[in-house]
Amino acid sequence: MEGHPSKNTTFLNIEDLDVFLNKHDSNFIWLLVATILSCGWIIYLTYYNSRNIGLFLTLVINRLYKDGYIHIGSFSFSVLSGKVMFRDVYYINQDMSIRIQDGFLIFRWWKMYNPKQKQH
């Protein structure tokens, strides 16, 4: 009796899941799964992606640059608006330390509007 698992287990296996999805409307379940995953992906992109990029850049820069320590809290780059934003940037070496709390760079991708060109 001890070596044989009982038929009433709480874990689902692939066959039970396949029977359940065929018995019920599986399109609704896939819609529910896709909606939950999409919400999770949007939350990740909104709150955590720039912080993970900052952590990755910190690791790469400190591996390449040995004369000091550089920390980047968050980093985001927007191609469409031409903007680079960063937060909590530290540069520390033996002689000095520099801290930037918030910063951004704006590139001028688009042609600037000149009101003198328009004839009224």
N, C-alpha and C. Protein backbone atom coordinates (compact mmCIF):
# COMPACT_ATOMS: atom_id res chain seq x y z
N MET A 1 0.80 -1.18 0.00
CA MET A 1 0.00 0.00 0.00
C MET A 1 0.86 1.27 0.00
N GLU A 2 2.01 1.25 0.66
CA GLU A 2 2.82 2.45 0.79
C GLU A 2 3.46 2.85 -0.53
N GLY A 3 3.82 1.92 -1.37
CA GLY A 3 4.53 2.23 -2.61
C GLY A 3 3.62 2.69 -3.72
N HIS A 4 2.32 2.51 -3.61
CA HIS A 4 1.40 2.88 -4.66
C HIS A 4 0.69 4.17 -4.31
N PRO A 5 0.75 5.18 -5.22
CA PRO A 5 0.00 6.40 -4.93
C PRO A 5 -1.48 6.17 -5.14
N SER A 6 -2.28 6.85 -4.37
CA SER A 6 -3.72 6.69 -4.50
C SER A 6 -4.21 7.46 -5.71
N LYS A 7 -5.40 7.12 -6.18
CA LYS A 7 -5.96 7.77 -7.36
C LYS A 7 -6.46 9.17 -7.02
N ASN A 8 -6.75 9.47 -5.77
CA ASN A 8 -7.25 10.78 -5.37
C ASN A 8 -6.10 11.67 -4.91
N THR A 9 -5.23 12.05 -5.82
CA THR A 9 -4.13 12.94 -5.47
C THR A 9 -4.54 14.38 -5.71
N THR A 10 -3.89 15.29 -5.05
CA THR A 10 -4.21 16.70 -5.21
C THR A 10 -3.45 17.34 -6.36
N PHE A 11 -2.44 16.70 -6.90
CA PHE A 11 -1.65 17.27 -7.98
C PHE A 11 -2.28 16.89 -9.32
N LEU A 12 -2.31 17.86 -10.24
CA LEU A 12 -2.83 17.60 -11.57
C LEU A 12 -1.70 17.10 -12.46
N ASN A 13 -1.99 16.13 -13.26
CA ASN A 13 -1.03 15.72 -14.27
C ASN A 13 -1.55 16.15 -15.63
N ILE A 14 -0.78 15.93 -16.66
CA ILE A 14 -1.10 16.42 -17.99
C ILE A 14 -2.39 15.78 -18.52
N GLU A 15 -2.58 14.51 -18.27
CA GLU A 15 -3.79 13.83 -18.77
C GLU A 15 -5.05 14.40 -18.13
N ASP A 16 -5.01 14.65 -16.82
CA ASP A 16 -6.18 15.22 -16.15
C ASP A 16 -6.47 16.63 -16.65
N LEU A 17 -5.41 17.41 -16.90
CA LEU A 17 -5.60 18.77 -17.42
C LEU A 17 -6.19 18.74 -18.82
N ASP A 18 -5.72 17.82 -19.66
CA ASP A 18 -6.24 17.70 -21.02
C ASP A 18 -7.72 17.30 -21.00
N VAL A 19 -8.09 16.36 -20.14
CA VAL A 19 -9.49 15.96 -20.03
C VAL A 19 -10.35 17.12 -19.53
N PHE A 20 -9.85 17.86 -18.55
CA PHE A 20 -10.59 19.01 -18.02
C PHE A 20 -10.80 20.08 -19.08
N LEU A 21 -9.75 20.40 -19.86
CA LEU A 21 -9.87 21.44 -20.89
C LEU A 21 -10.78 21.00 -22.02
N ASN A 22 -10.78 19.72 -22.36
CA ASN A 22 -11.68 19.23 -23.41
C ASN A 22 -13.13 19.19 -22.93
N LYS A 23 -13.34 18.93 -21.65
CA LYS A 23 -14.69 18.86 -21.11
C LYS A 23 -15.29 20.26 -21.00
N HIS A 24 -14.47 21.23 -20.59
CA HIS A 24 -14.94 22.61 -20.44
C HIS A 24 -14.51 23.41 -21.66
N ASP A 25 -14.91 24.65 -21.69
CA ASP A 25 -14.54 25.53 -22.80
C ASP A 25 -13.10 26.00 -22.58
N SER A 26 -12.16 25.45 -23.32
CA SER A 26 -10.75 25.76 -23.09
C SER A 26 -10.37 27.13 -23.60
N ASN A 27 -11.13 27.73 -24.51
CA ASN A 27 -10.80 29.06 -25.00
C ASN A 27 -10.89 30.10 -23.90
N PHE A 28 -11.86 29.96 -23.02
CA PHE A 28 -11.98 30.89 -21.91
C PHE A 28 -10.79 30.78 -20.97
N ILE A 29 -10.34 29.59 -20.72
CA ILE A 29 -9.20 29.39 -19.82
C ILE A 29 -7.93 29.99 -20.42
N TRP A 30 -7.72 29.78 -21.73
CA TRP A 30 -6.54 30.37 -22.37
C TRP A 30 -6.63 31.89 -22.40
N LEU A 31 -7.84 32.43 -22.57
CA LEU A 31 -8.02 33.88 -22.49
C LEU A 31 -7.68 34.39 -21.10
N LEU A 32 -8.11 33.68 -20.09
CA LEU A 32 -7.80 34.07 -18.71
C LEU A 32 -6.30 34.02 -18.44
N VAL A 33 -5.63 32.97 -18.90
CA VAL A 33 -4.18 32.85 -18.72
C VAL A 33 -3.45 33.97 -19.46
N ALA A 34 -3.87 34.25 -20.69
CA ALA A 34 -3.22 35.31 -21.48
C ALA A 34 -3.44 36.68 -20.84
N THR A 35 -4.61 36.92 -20.28
CA THR A 35 -4.88 38.20 -19.62
C THR A 35 -4.03 38.38 -18.38
N ILE A 36 -3.91 37.34 -17.58
CA ILE A 36 -3.09 37.41 -16.36
C ILE A 36 -1.62 37.62 -16.71
N LEU A 37 -1.13 36.89 -17.72
CA LEU A 37 0.27 37.06 -18.13
C LEU A 37 0.52 38.45 -18.72
N SER A 38 -0.44 38.98 -19.48
CA SER A 38 -0.29 40.32 -20.04
C SER A 38 -0.26 41.38 -18.95
N CYS A 39 -1.10 41.24 -17.96
CA CYS A 39 -1.10 42.19 -16.84
C CYS A 39 0.23 42.13 -16.08
N GLY A 40 0.72 40.93 -15.87
CA GLY A 40 2.02 40.78 -15.21
C GLY A 40 3.15 41.40 -16.01
N TRP A 41 3.12 41.23 -17.34
CA TRP A 41 4.18 41.81 -18.20
C TRP A 41 4.10 43.33 -18.19
N ILE A 42 2.91 43.91 -18.21
CA ILE A 42 2.78 45.36 -18.18
C ILE A 42 3.26 45.92 -16.84
N ILE A 43 2.95 45.25 -15.75
CA ILE A 43 3.43 45.70 -14.44
C ILE A 43 4.95 45.63 -14.38
N TYR A 44 5.54 44.55 -14.93
CA TYR A 44 6.99 44.44 -14.95
C TYR A 44 7.61 45.59 -15.76
N LEU A 45 7.10 45.84 -16.95
CA LEU A 45 7.66 46.90 -17.78
C LEU A 45 7.51 48.27 -17.15
N THR A 46 6.40 48.49 -16.47
CA THR A 46 6.14 49.80 -15.87
C THR A 46 7.03 50.06 -14.67
N TYR A 47 7.19 49.07 -13.80
CA TYR A 47 7.85 49.33 -12.52
C TYR A 47 9.27 48.78 -12.39
N TYR A 48 9.60 47.70 -13.08
CA TYR A 48 10.85 47.01 -12.78
C TYR A 48 11.87 46.96 -13.91
N ASN A 49 11.46 47.18 -15.15
CA ASN A 49 12.39 47.01 -16.27
C ASN A 49 13.55 48.00 -16.19
N SER A 50 13.28 49.26 -15.92
CA SER A 50 14.36 50.25 -15.87
C SER A 50 15.32 49.97 -14.71
N ARG A 51 14.82 49.43 -13.62
CA ARG A 51 15.70 49.09 -12.49
C ARG A 51 16.59 47.89 -12.83
N ASN A 52 16.04 46.92 -13.53
CA ASN A 52 16.86 45.77 -13.94
C ASN A 52 17.91 46.18 -14.96
N ILE A 53 17.57 47.09 -15.87
CA ILE A 53 18.57 47.58 -16.83
C ILE A 53 19.66 48.35 -16.09
N GLY A 54 19.28 49.14 -15.08
CA GLY A 54 20.28 49.86 -14.28
C GLY A 54 21.21 48.90 -13.55
N LEU A 55 20.66 47.83 -13.00
CA LEU A 55 21.50 46.82 -12.32
C LEU A 55 22.44 46.16 -13.31
N PHE A 56 21.94 45.81 -14.48
CA PHE A 56 22.78 45.19 -15.51
C PHE A 56 23.89 46.14 -15.97
N LEU A 57 23.56 47.42 -16.20
CA LEU A 57 24.58 48.39 -16.59
C LEU A 57 25.61 48.60 -15.50
N THR A 58 25.18 48.60 -14.24
CA THR A 58 26.12 48.73 -13.12
C THR A 58 27.11 47.58 -13.12
N LEU A 59 26.63 46.35 -13.31
CA LEU A 59 27.52 45.19 -13.32
C LEU A 59 28.49 45.23 -14.49
N VAL A 60 28.01 45.60 -15.67
CA VAL A 60 28.88 45.63 -16.86
C VAL A 60 29.91 46.74 -16.75
N ILE A 61 29.50 47.93 -16.33
CA ILE A 61 30.44 49.06 -16.25
C ILE A 61 31.49 48.81 -15.18
N ASN A 62 31.11 48.26 -14.03
CA ASN A 62 32.09 48.00 -12.98
C ASN A 62 33.04 46.87 -13.34
N ARG A 63 32.61 45.96 -14.19
CA ARG A 63 33.52 44.92 -14.64
C ARG A 63 34.57 45.49 -15.61
N LEU A 64 34.16 46.48 -16.42
CA LEU A 64 35.07 47.07 -17.40
C LEU A 64 35.92 48.20 -16.80
N TYR A 65 35.38 48.95 -15.88
CA TYR A 65 36.05 50.12 -15.31
C TYR A 65 36.54 49.78 -13.91
N LYS A 66 37.83 49.80 -13.70
CA LYS A 66 38.42 49.35 -12.43
C LYS A 66 38.90 50.48 -11.52
N ASP A 67 38.87 51.75 -11.96
CA ASP A 67 39.43 52.85 -11.17
C ASP A 67 38.46 53.43 -10.16
N GLY A 68 37.24 52.98 -10.13
CA GLY A 68 36.25 53.47 -9.18
C GLY A 68 35.02 52.60 -9.22
N TYR A 69 34.00 53.04 -8.51
CA TYR A 69 32.74 52.30 -8.48
C TYR A 69 31.65 53.18 -9.05
N ILE A 70 30.87 52.64 -9.97
CA ILE A 70 29.76 53.35 -10.58
C ILE A 70 28.49 52.55 -10.31
N HIS A 71 27.46 53.25 -9.82
CA HIS A 71 26.17 52.61 -9.54
C HIS A 71 25.09 53.36 -10.31
N ILE A 72 24.22 52.62 -10.99
CA ILE A 72 23.08 53.20 -11.71
C ILE A 72 21.82 52.58 -11.13
N GLY A 73 20.97 53.39 -10.52
CA GLY A 73 19.75 52.89 -9.90
C GLY A 73 18.73 52.44 -10.93
N SER A 74 18.43 53.29 -11.90
CA SER A 74 17.51 52.92 -12.98
C SER A 74 17.92 53.66 -14.24
N PHE A 75 17.62 53.04 -15.38
CA PHE A 75 18.01 53.59 -16.67
C PHE A 75 16.93 53.24 -17.68
N SER A 76 16.46 54.24 -18.42
CA SER A 76 15.48 53.97 -19.47
C SER A 76 15.82 54.80 -20.70
N PHE A 77 15.55 54.21 -21.86
CA PHE A 77 15.86 54.83 -23.14
C PHE A 77 14.62 54.75 -24.01
N SER A 78 14.15 55.88 -24.48
CA SER A 78 12.96 55.93 -25.34
C SER A 78 13.38 56.44 -26.71
N VAL A 79 13.26 55.58 -27.71
CA VAL A 79 13.68 55.93 -29.06
C VAL A 79 12.70 56.92 -29.68
N LEU A 80 11.43 56.71 -29.49
CA LEU A 80 10.42 57.54 -30.13
C LEU A 80 10.49 58.99 -29.66
N SER A 81 10.63 59.20 -28.37
CA SER A 81 10.71 60.57 -27.86
C SER A 81 12.14 61.09 -27.83
N GLY A 82 13.14 60.24 -28.03
CA GLY A 82 14.52 60.67 -28.03
C GLY A 82 15.00 61.06 -26.65
N LYS A 83 14.67 60.27 -25.66
CA LYS A 83 15.00 60.63 -24.27
C LYS A 83 15.70 59.48 -23.57
N VAL A 84 16.76 59.81 -22.83
CA VAL A 84 17.46 58.88 -21.95
C VAL A 84 17.28 59.40 -20.53
N MET A 85 16.73 58.55 -19.65
CA MET A 85 16.51 58.96 -18.27
C MET A 85 17.25 58.02 -17.33
N PHE A 86 17.82 58.59 -16.27
CA PHE A 86 18.55 57.78 -15.30
C PHE A 86 18.30 58.36 -13.92
N ARG A 87 18.48 57.51 -12.91
CA ARG A 87 18.22 57.91 -11.53
C ARG A 87 19.22 57.24 -10.62
N ASP A 88 19.61 57.92 -9.55
CA ASP A 88 20.53 57.43 -8.52
C ASP A 88 21.83 56.91 -9.13
N VAL A 89 22.56 57.81 -9.75
CA VAL A 89 23.86 57.46 -10.34
C VAL A 89 24.94 57.93 -9.38
N TYR A 90 25.80 57.00 -8.98
CA TYR A 90 26.92 57.30 -8.10
C TYR A 90 28.21 57.00 -8.82
N TYR A 91 29.20 57.87 -8.62
CA TYR A 91 30.57 57.59 -9.05
C TYR A 91 31.46 57.82 -7.85
N ILE A 92 32.14 56.79 -7.42
CA ILE A 92 32.96 56.87 -6.21
C ILE A 92 34.35 56.35 -6.55
N ASN A 93 35.38 57.15 -6.25
CA ASN A 93 36.77 56.66 -6.32
C ASN A 93 37.50 57.15 -5.07
N GLN A 94 38.81 57.04 -5.05
CA GLN A 94 39.57 57.38 -3.84
C GLN A 94 39.59 58.88 -3.57
N ASP A 95 39.44 59.71 -4.59
CA ASP A 95 39.55 61.15 -4.42
C ASP A 95 38.23 61.88 -4.25
N MET A 96 37.17 61.36 -4.85
CA MET A 96 35.92 62.11 -4.84
C MET A 96 34.73 61.17 -5.01
N SER A 97 33.56 61.73 -4.83
CA SER A 97 32.33 61.00 -5.12
C SER A 97 31.34 61.98 -5.73
N ILE A 98 30.63 61.50 -6.72
CA ILE A 98 29.62 62.31 -7.42
C ILE A 98 28.30 61.55 -7.36
N ARG A 99 27.23 62.27 -7.07
CA ARG A 99 25.90 61.65 -7.02
C ARG A 99 24.94 62.47 -7.87
N ILE A 100 24.21 61.79 -8.74
CA ILE A 100 23.17 62.41 -9.55
C ILE A 100 21.86 61.72 -9.17
N GLN A 101 20.91 62.48 -8.65
CA GLN A 101 19.65 61.88 -8.23
C GLN A 101 18.73 61.61 -9.42
N ASP A 102 18.50 62.58 -10.25
CA ASP A 102 17.66 62.44 -11.43
C ASP A 102 18.34 63.14 -12.60
N GLY A 103 18.29 62.52 -13.76
CA GLY A 103 18.86 63.15 -14.93
C GLY A 103 18.22 62.62 -16.19
N PHE A 104 18.29 63.45 -17.24
CA PHE A 104 17.79 63.00 -18.53
C PHE A 104 18.52 63.74 -19.65
N LEU A 105 18.61 63.08 -20.76
CA LEU A 105 19.16 63.65 -21.98
C LEU A 105 18.08 63.59 -23.04
N ILE A 106 17.93 64.68 -23.79
CA ILE A 106 16.93 64.73 -24.85
C ILE A 106 17.65 64.93 -26.17
N PHE A 107 17.38 64.03 -27.10
CA PHE A 107 17.92 64.15 -28.45
C PHE A 107 16.86 64.79 -29.34
N ARG A 108 17.30 65.55 -30.32
CA ARG A 108 16.35 66.22 -31.20
C ARG A 108 16.20 65.42 -32.48
N TRP A 109 15.31 64.42 -32.43
CA TRP A 109 15.05 63.60 -33.60
C TRP A 109 14.16 64.33 -34.59
N TRP A 110 13.20 65.07 -34.06
CA TRP A 110 12.18 65.66 -34.90
C TRP A 110 12.57 67.08 -35.28
N LYS A 111 12.06 67.53 -36.42
CA LYS A 111 12.31 68.89 -36.87
C LYS A 111 11.58 69.86 -35.94
N MET A 112 12.28 70.87 -35.51
CA MET A 112 11.68 71.84 -34.59
C MET A 112 10.67 72.72 -35.32
N TYR A 113 9.64 73.11 -34.62
CA TYR A 113 8.61 73.98 -35.17
C TYR A 113 9.10 75.41 -35.10
N ASN A 114 9.04 76.10 -36.24
CA ASN A 114 9.44 77.50 -36.29
C ASN A 114 8.20 78.31 -36.65
N PRO A 115 7.66 79.09 -35.72
CA PRO A 115 6.41 79.83 -36.01
C PRO A 115 6.59 80.91 -37.05
N LYS A 116 7.81 81.37 -37.32
CA LYS A 116 8.02 82.41 -38.31
C LYS A 116 7.81 81.90 -39.74
N GLN A 117 7.91 80.59 -39.94
CA GLN A 117 7.74 80.05 -41.28
C GLN A 117 6.29 80.02 -41.72
N LYS A 118 5.38 79.99 -40.79
CA LYS A 118 3.96 79.89 -41.13
C LYS A 118 3.42 81.28 -41.45
N GLN A 119 2.80 81.42 -42.60
CA GLN A 119 2.24 82.70 -43.03
C GLN A 119 0.78 82.77 -42.61
N HIS A 120 0.41 83.88 -42.00
CA HIS A 120 -0.99 84.09 -41.60
C HIS A 120 -1.64 85.06 -42.55
